[in-house]
Structure formats: C-alpha cells, structure tokens
Amino acid sequence: MKEITNILAIAFLLTLVQSVNAQKKVTETTLKVDGVCFMCKERIESALDTAGVKYAEWDIDTKILKIAFRNDKYTVTNISQILANAGHDTAEVKATSEAYGNLNMCCLYRDEEVVDAHKDH
C-alpha cells in the first residue's frame, strides 16, 4: 500500500511540474526604441541581457527591437521600463531627464543635431 501511495504522490508531483512549466510561455514582440548609434544598440541589448529574456536585438535603422521574453517574468511595460532606466524612450515609457542625461553625447536621440549627424554616416 505504501508503494502505491508513493507512486501516486510522484505522479501528482510530475503533473504539477508539467502544469507549471506549461504556464511559462515566451512572448515574442517588437518595440520601437529611440536611439541613434552602435553605442545605443549595445546599451539597449545589454539592458535586456537578463534571466527571462531569450533574445533582444535592436536595429539602428528602423529603431525596432525584436525581443522574446518569459511572460511569467516580464510584460511589455516592464521591458519598456528597463529601457527607460537605461535612457531610451519607448512608446510606453519615456526615460527620465536624469537617465537620458547619462547617455553619451553621440547617443542623445532627442537632439536634432545629433540625429542629423548620424544620418550622414
């Protein structure tokens, strides 16, 4: 009888683990993220180099971030806040003046002169 109870307990635990794992889904999406250069690309992608983010790739020309993340750990709002904390605006969350001000001079995407200078390259 004890063996049957142990087998049932193990079966129950395996079912529970499978159920929990089934709920851990990966969300793939795109976000527009403001930035202008390779330093911005490095900063944006590095900010998202964390557990629960499968990949994050930002395109300098289109300003589009392709990202895959575990939706049990993050939401688009969380991801946007991480980027804002690093100094980069998204449609959902804008970087604070302090975070934006910490960017290198060549990364000041709100400055028309900086943006225009990057268009020449």
N, C-alpha and C. Protein backbone atom coordinates (compact mmCIF):
# COMPACT_ATOMS: atom_id res chain seq x y z
N MET A 1 0.82 -1.20 0.00
CA MET A 1 0.00 0.00 0.00
C MET A 1 0.87 1.27 0.00
N LYS A 2 1.97 1.20 0.77
CA LYS A 2 2.87 2.35 0.84
C LYS A 2 3.49 2.66 -0.52
N GLU A 3 3.79 1.61 -1.29
CA GLU A 3 4.37 1.79 -2.62
C GLU A 3 3.38 2.49 -3.56
N ILE A 4 2.13 2.12 -3.47
CA ILE A 4 1.10 2.74 -4.31
C ILE A 4 0.94 4.21 -3.94
N THR A 5 0.97 4.51 -2.66
CA THR A 5 0.87 5.90 -2.21
C THR A 5 2.05 6.72 -2.72
N ASN A 6 3.25 6.15 -2.67
CA ASN A 6 4.44 6.84 -3.18
C ASN A 6 4.35 7.07 -4.68
N ILE A 7 3.88 6.08 -5.41
CA ILE A 7 3.74 6.21 -6.86
C ILE A 7 2.73 7.29 -7.20
N LEU A 8 1.60 7.30 -6.48
CA LEU A 8 0.58 8.33 -6.72
C LEU A 8 1.12 9.73 -6.38
N ALA A 9 1.89 9.84 -5.32
CA ALA A 9 2.47 11.14 -4.94
C ALA A 9 3.45 11.62 -6.01
N ILE A 10 4.27 10.72 -6.53
CA ILE A 10 5.22 11.08 -7.58
C ILE A 10 4.47 11.49 -8.85
N ALA A 11 3.45 10.74 -9.21
CA ALA A 11 2.65 11.07 -10.40
C ALA A 11 2.00 12.44 -10.25
N PHE A 12 1.49 12.73 -9.05
CA PHE A 12 0.87 14.03 -8.80
C PHE A 12 1.90 15.15 -8.95
N LEU A 13 3.09 14.97 -8.38
CA LEU A 13 4.14 15.99 -8.47
C LEU A 13 4.58 16.21 -9.91
N LEU A 14 4.72 15.16 -10.68
CA LEU A 14 5.10 15.30 -12.08
C LEU A 14 4.03 16.07 -12.87
N THR A 15 2.77 15.78 -12.59
CA THR A 15 1.67 16.51 -13.24
C THR A 15 1.71 17.98 -12.86
N LEU A 16 1.97 18.26 -11.60
CA LEU A 16 2.05 19.64 -11.12
C LEU A 16 3.19 20.38 -11.79
N VAL A 17 4.36 19.76 -11.89
CA VAL A 17 5.53 20.38 -12.53
C VAL A 17 5.23 20.66 -13.99
N GLN A 18 4.62 19.73 -14.68
CA GLN A 18 4.28 19.92 -16.09
C GLN A 18 3.30 21.07 -16.25
N SER A 19 2.35 21.19 -15.35
CA SER A 19 1.38 22.27 -15.40
C SER A 19 2.04 23.62 -15.21
N VAL A 20 2.95 23.71 -14.25
CA VAL A 20 3.67 24.96 -14.01
C VAL A 20 4.53 25.31 -15.20
N ASN A 21 5.25 24.34 -15.76
CA ASN A 21 6.10 24.60 -16.92
C ASN A 21 5.28 25.02 -18.14
N ALA A 22 4.08 24.48 -18.28
CA ALA A 22 3.23 24.84 -19.41
C ALA A 22 2.81 26.30 -19.35
N GLN A 23 2.76 26.87 -18.14
CA GLN A 23 2.35 28.26 -17.98
C GLN A 23 3.47 29.24 -18.30
N LYS A 24 4.71 28.77 -18.36
CA LYS A 24 5.85 29.63 -18.65
C LYS A 24 5.99 29.76 -20.17
N LYS A 25 5.32 30.72 -20.71
CA LYS A 25 5.31 30.94 -22.16
C LYS A 25 6.28 32.06 -22.52
N VAL A 26 6.80 31.98 -23.72
CA VAL A 26 7.68 33.02 -24.24
C VAL A 26 6.86 33.91 -25.16
N THR A 27 6.93 35.20 -24.91
CA THR A 27 6.28 36.19 -25.76
C THR A 27 7.32 36.77 -26.70
N GLU A 28 7.02 36.80 -27.96
CA GLU A 28 7.88 37.43 -28.96
C GLU A 28 7.13 38.65 -29.48
N THR A 29 7.81 39.79 -29.49
CA THR A 29 7.18 41.01 -29.94
C THR A 29 8.23 41.99 -30.45
N THR A 30 7.77 43.12 -30.93
CA THR A 30 8.67 44.19 -31.35
C THR A 30 8.25 45.47 -30.64
N LEU A 31 9.24 46.30 -30.38
CA LEU A 31 9.02 47.61 -29.77
C LEU A 31 9.85 48.64 -30.50
N LYS A 32 9.30 49.83 -30.67
CA LYS A 32 10.10 50.93 -31.18
C LYS A 32 10.84 51.52 -29.98
N VAL A 33 12.17 51.62 -30.13
CA VAL A 33 13.02 52.14 -29.06
C VAL A 33 13.89 53.23 -29.66
N ASP A 34 13.87 54.42 -29.05
CA ASP A 34 14.66 55.53 -29.56
C ASP A 34 16.14 55.34 -29.24
N GLY A 35 16.96 55.66 -30.23
CA GLY A 35 18.41 55.58 -30.14
C GLY A 35 18.98 55.93 -31.51
N VAL A 36 20.30 56.10 -31.59
CA VAL A 36 20.87 56.55 -32.87
C VAL A 36 22.13 55.83 -33.33
N CYS A 37 22.79 55.08 -32.46
CA CYS A 37 24.11 54.59 -32.86
C CYS A 37 24.41 53.21 -32.29
N PHE A 38 25.63 52.74 -32.59
CA PHE A 38 26.04 51.43 -32.11
C PHE A 38 26.18 51.39 -30.58
N MET A 39 26.52 52.51 -29.98
CA MET A 39 26.57 52.55 -28.52
C MET A 39 25.17 52.38 -27.94
N CYS A 40 24.19 52.98 -28.60
CA CYS A 40 22.79 52.81 -28.18
C CYS A 40 22.39 51.34 -28.31
N LYS A 41 22.74 50.74 -29.43
CA LYS A 41 22.43 49.33 -29.67
C LYS A 41 23.00 48.47 -28.55
N GLU A 42 24.26 48.69 -28.22
CA GLU A 42 24.91 47.93 -27.15
C GLU A 42 24.19 48.13 -25.81
N ARG A 43 23.85 49.36 -25.50
CA ARG A 43 23.19 49.68 -24.23
C ARG A 43 21.79 49.04 -24.15
N ILE A 44 21.03 49.16 -25.22
CA ILE A 44 19.67 48.62 -25.27
C ILE A 44 19.70 47.10 -25.11
N GLU A 45 20.54 46.45 -25.87
CA GLU A 45 20.60 45.00 -25.82
C GLU A 45 21.19 44.51 -24.50
N SER A 46 22.18 45.22 -23.97
CA SER A 46 22.79 44.83 -22.70
C SER A 46 21.82 44.99 -21.53
N ALA A 47 20.98 46.03 -21.60
CA ALA A 47 19.99 46.25 -20.53
C ALA A 47 19.04 45.07 -20.41
N LEU A 48 18.85 44.38 -21.52
CA LEU A 48 17.91 43.26 -21.55
C LEU A 48 18.60 41.91 -21.49
N ASP A 49 19.89 41.91 -21.25
CA ASP A 49 20.65 40.67 -21.12
C ASP A 49 20.48 40.17 -19.69
N THR A 50 19.33 39.56 -19.45
CA THR A 50 18.96 39.14 -18.10
C THR A 50 18.13 37.86 -18.15
N ALA A 51 18.09 37.16 -17.04
CA ALA A 51 17.29 35.93 -16.98
C ALA A 51 15.84 36.23 -17.33
N GLY A 52 15.28 35.40 -18.17
CA GLY A 52 13.89 35.58 -18.57
C GLY A 52 13.73 36.25 -19.92
N VAL A 53 14.83 36.82 -20.45
CA VAL A 53 14.81 37.39 -21.80
C VAL A 53 15.60 36.44 -22.69
N LYS A 54 14.90 35.85 -23.64
CA LYS A 54 15.52 34.87 -24.53
C LYS A 54 16.46 35.55 -25.52
N TYR A 55 15.99 36.64 -26.14
CA TYR A 55 16.85 37.43 -27.01
C TYR A 55 16.29 38.83 -27.14
N ALA A 56 17.18 39.77 -27.46
CA ALA A 56 16.80 41.16 -27.72
C ALA A 56 17.75 41.69 -28.77
N GLU A 57 17.22 42.11 -29.90
CA GLU A 57 18.04 42.63 -30.99
C GLU A 57 17.43 43.92 -31.51
N TRP A 58 18.20 45.00 -31.41
CA TRP A 58 17.72 46.32 -31.82
C TRP A 58 18.36 46.71 -33.14
N ASP A 59 17.55 47.20 -34.08
CA ASP A 59 18.02 47.63 -35.39
C ASP A 59 18.19 49.14 -35.40
N ILE A 60 19.39 49.59 -35.68
CA ILE A 60 19.69 51.03 -35.67
C ILE A 60 18.86 51.80 -36.69
N ASP A 61 18.69 51.25 -37.87
CA ASP A 61 17.99 51.97 -38.94
C ASP A 61 16.49 52.08 -38.69
N THR A 62 15.87 50.99 -38.27
CA THR A 62 14.41 51.00 -38.10
C THR A 62 13.98 51.41 -36.69
N LYS A 63 14.93 51.35 -35.73
CA LYS A 63 14.66 51.64 -34.31
C LYS A 63 13.75 50.59 -33.68
N ILE A 64 13.68 49.42 -34.31
CA ILE A 64 12.80 48.35 -33.83
C ILE A 64 13.61 47.32 -33.05
N LEU A 65 13.11 47.00 -31.86
CA LEU A 65 13.69 45.98 -31.01
C LEU A 65 12.85 44.71 -31.18
N LYS A 66 13.52 43.63 -31.57
CA LYS A 66 12.87 42.32 -31.59
C LYS A 66 13.25 41.65 -30.28
N ILE A 67 12.25 41.18 -29.58
CA ILE A 67 12.51 40.62 -28.25
C ILE A 67 11.63 39.42 -27.97
N ALA A 68 12.20 38.47 -27.25
CA ALA A 68 11.45 37.31 -26.77
C ALA A 68 11.74 37.21 -25.28
N PHE A 69 10.67 37.12 -24.49
CA PHE A 69 10.83 37.07 -23.04
C PHE A 69 9.76 36.18 -22.42
N ARG A 70 10.08 35.68 -21.24
CA ARG A 70 9.12 34.87 -20.50
C ARG A 70 8.06 35.79 -19.92
N ASN A 71 6.81 35.51 -20.29
CA ASN A 71 5.73 36.38 -19.83
C ASN A 71 5.31 36.12 -18.39
N ASP A 72 5.92 35.14 -17.75
CA ASP A 72 5.67 34.97 -16.32
C ASP A 72 6.66 35.81 -15.51
N LYS A 73 7.66 36.39 -16.18
CA LYS A 73 8.64 37.25 -15.51
C LYS A 73 8.50 38.71 -15.92
N TYR A 74 8.10 38.96 -17.17
CA TYR A 74 8.07 40.31 -17.71
C TYR A 74 6.79 40.59 -18.48
N THR A 75 6.52 41.89 -18.62
CA THR A 75 5.47 42.38 -19.52
C THR A 75 6.14 43.40 -20.43
N VAL A 76 5.43 43.86 -21.44
CA VAL A 76 5.97 44.91 -22.30
C VAL A 76 6.26 46.16 -21.48
N THR A 77 5.43 46.44 -20.49
CA THR A 77 5.65 47.60 -19.63
C THR A 77 6.94 47.44 -18.83
N ASN A 78 7.19 46.25 -18.28
CA ASN A 78 8.45 46.00 -17.56
C ASN A 78 9.65 46.21 -18.47
N ILE A 79 9.57 45.65 -19.66
CA ILE A 79 10.67 45.77 -20.63
C ILE A 79 10.88 47.24 -20.97
N SER A 80 9.80 47.96 -21.21
CA SER A 80 9.90 49.39 -21.53
C SER A 80 10.53 50.18 -20.38
N GLN A 81 10.20 49.81 -19.15
CA GLN A 81 10.78 50.50 -18.00
C GLN A 81 12.29 50.22 -17.88
N ILE A 82 12.70 49.00 -18.15
CA ILE A 82 14.13 48.67 -18.14
C ILE A 82 14.86 49.54 -19.16
N LEU A 83 14.28 49.69 -20.34
CA LEU A 83 14.91 50.51 -21.39
C LEU A 83 14.92 51.98 -21.00
N ALA A 84 13.85 52.45 -20.40
CA ALA A 84 13.79 53.85 -19.94
C ALA A 84 14.84 54.10 -18.86
N ASN A 85 15.02 53.14 -17.97
CA ASN A 85 16.05 53.27 -16.93
C ASN A 85 17.44 53.36 -17.54
N ALA A 86 17.61 52.73 -18.71
CA ALA A 86 18.90 52.79 -19.41
C ALA A 86 19.03 54.07 -20.25
N GLY A 87 17.94 54.87 -20.32
CA GLY A 87 17.99 56.14 -21.02
C GLY A 87 17.27 56.18 -22.35
N HIS A 88 16.56 55.12 -22.71
CA HIS A 88 15.93 55.04 -24.03
C HIS A 88 14.41 55.03 -23.94
N ASP A 89 13.78 55.91 -24.72
CA ASP A 89 12.32 56.01 -24.77
C ASP A 89 11.71 54.88 -25.57
N THR A 90 10.52 54.47 -25.14
CA THR A 90 9.65 53.61 -25.94
C THR A 90 8.31 54.33 -26.00
N ALA A 91 7.38 53.80 -26.75
CA ALA A 91 6.05 54.41 -26.82
C ALA A 91 5.37 54.36 -25.46
N GLU A 92 5.70 53.35 -24.67
CA GLU A 92 5.01 53.15 -23.40
C GLU A 92 5.65 53.90 -22.23
N VAL A 93 6.98 53.97 -22.20
CA VAL A 93 7.67 54.59 -21.07
C VAL A 93 8.80 55.49 -21.60
N LYS A 94 8.80 56.73 -21.14
CA LYS A 94 9.85 57.68 -21.51
C LYS A 94 10.94 57.69 -20.44
N ALA A 95 12.18 57.81 -20.87
CA ALA A 95 13.30 57.90 -19.94
C ALA A 95 13.20 59.21 -19.16
N THR A 96 13.60 59.17 -17.91
CA THR A 96 13.64 60.41 -17.12
C THR A 96 14.74 61.31 -17.67
N SER A 97 14.67 62.57 -17.32
CA SER A 97 15.72 63.51 -17.73
C SER A 97 17.08 63.05 -17.22
N GLU A 98 17.11 62.51 -16.02
CA GLU A 98 18.37 62.04 -15.44
C GLU A 98 18.93 60.86 -16.24
N ALA A 99 18.09 59.87 -16.55
CA ALA A 99 18.55 58.69 -17.30
C ALA A 99 19.00 59.11 -18.70
N TYR A 100 18.22 59.97 -19.34
CA TYR A 100 18.59 60.45 -20.68
C TYR A 100 19.90 61.25 -20.61
N GLY A 101 20.03 62.07 -19.58
CA GLY A 101 21.22 62.90 -19.42
C GLY A 101 22.49 62.10 -19.18
N ASN A 102 22.36 60.85 -18.75
CA ASN A 102 23.52 60.00 -18.53
C ASN A 102 24.06 59.37 -19.81
N LEU A 103 23.35 59.55 -20.92
CA LEU A 103 23.81 58.99 -22.19
C LEU A 103 25.03 59.76 -22.70
N ASN A 104 25.83 59.10 -23.51
CA ASN A 104 26.95 59.77 -24.17
C ASN A 104 26.41 60.81 -25.14
N MET A 105 27.21 61.82 -25.43
CA MET A 105 26.77 62.91 -26.32
C MET A 105 26.30 62.40 -27.68
N CYS A 106 26.95 61.35 -28.20
CA CYS A 106 26.57 60.84 -29.52
C CYS A 106 25.26 60.06 -29.49
N CYS A 107 24.73 59.81 -28.30
CA CYS A 107 23.52 58.99 -28.14
C CYS A 107 22.27 59.82 -27.87
N LEU A 108 22.38 61.13 -27.87
CA LEU A 108 21.26 61.99 -27.49
C LEU A 108 20.23 62.08 -28.63
N TYR A 109 19.41 61.07 -28.73
CA TYR A 109 18.45 60.90 -29.82
C TYR A 109 17.35 61.96 -29.83
N ARG A 110 17.18 62.73 -28.77
CA ARG A 110 16.18 63.81 -28.75
C ARG A 110 16.75 65.10 -29.35
N ASP A 111 18.04 65.13 -29.60
CA ASP A 111 18.74 66.30 -30.13
C ASP A 111 18.83 66.18 -31.65
N GLU A 112 18.18 67.12 -32.36
CA GLU A 112 18.15 67.06 -33.82
C GLU A 112 19.54 67.06 -34.45
N GLU A 113 20.46 67.83 -33.89
CA GLU A 113 21.82 67.89 -34.44
C GLU A 113 22.51 66.53 -34.34
N VAL A 114 22.32 65.85 -33.25
CA VAL A 114 22.91 64.52 -33.08
C VAL A 114 22.28 63.55 -34.08
N VAL A 115 20.98 63.59 -34.19
CA VAL A 115 20.27 62.70 -35.13
C VAL A 115 20.73 62.98 -36.55
N ASP A 116 20.81 64.26 -36.92
CA ASP A 116 21.26 64.62 -38.27
C ASP A 116 22.69 64.18 -38.53
N ALA A 117 23.55 64.28 -37.53
CA ALA A 117 24.94 63.86 -37.69
C ALA A 117 25.03 62.36 -37.96
N HIS A 118 24.14 61.57 -37.38
CA HIS A 118 24.15 60.13 -37.61
C HIS A 118 23.59 59.78 -38.97
N LYS A 119 22.77 60.63 -39.55
CA LYS A 119 22.23 60.36 -40.88
C LYS A 119 23.33 60.42 -41.93
N ASP A 120 24.36 61.21 -41.67
CA ASP A 120 25.46 61.33 -42.64
C ASP A 120 26.35 60.09 -42.67
N HIS A 121 26.24 59.24 -41.67
CA HIS A 121 27.13 58.08 -41.60
C HIS A 121 26.51 56.87 -42.21
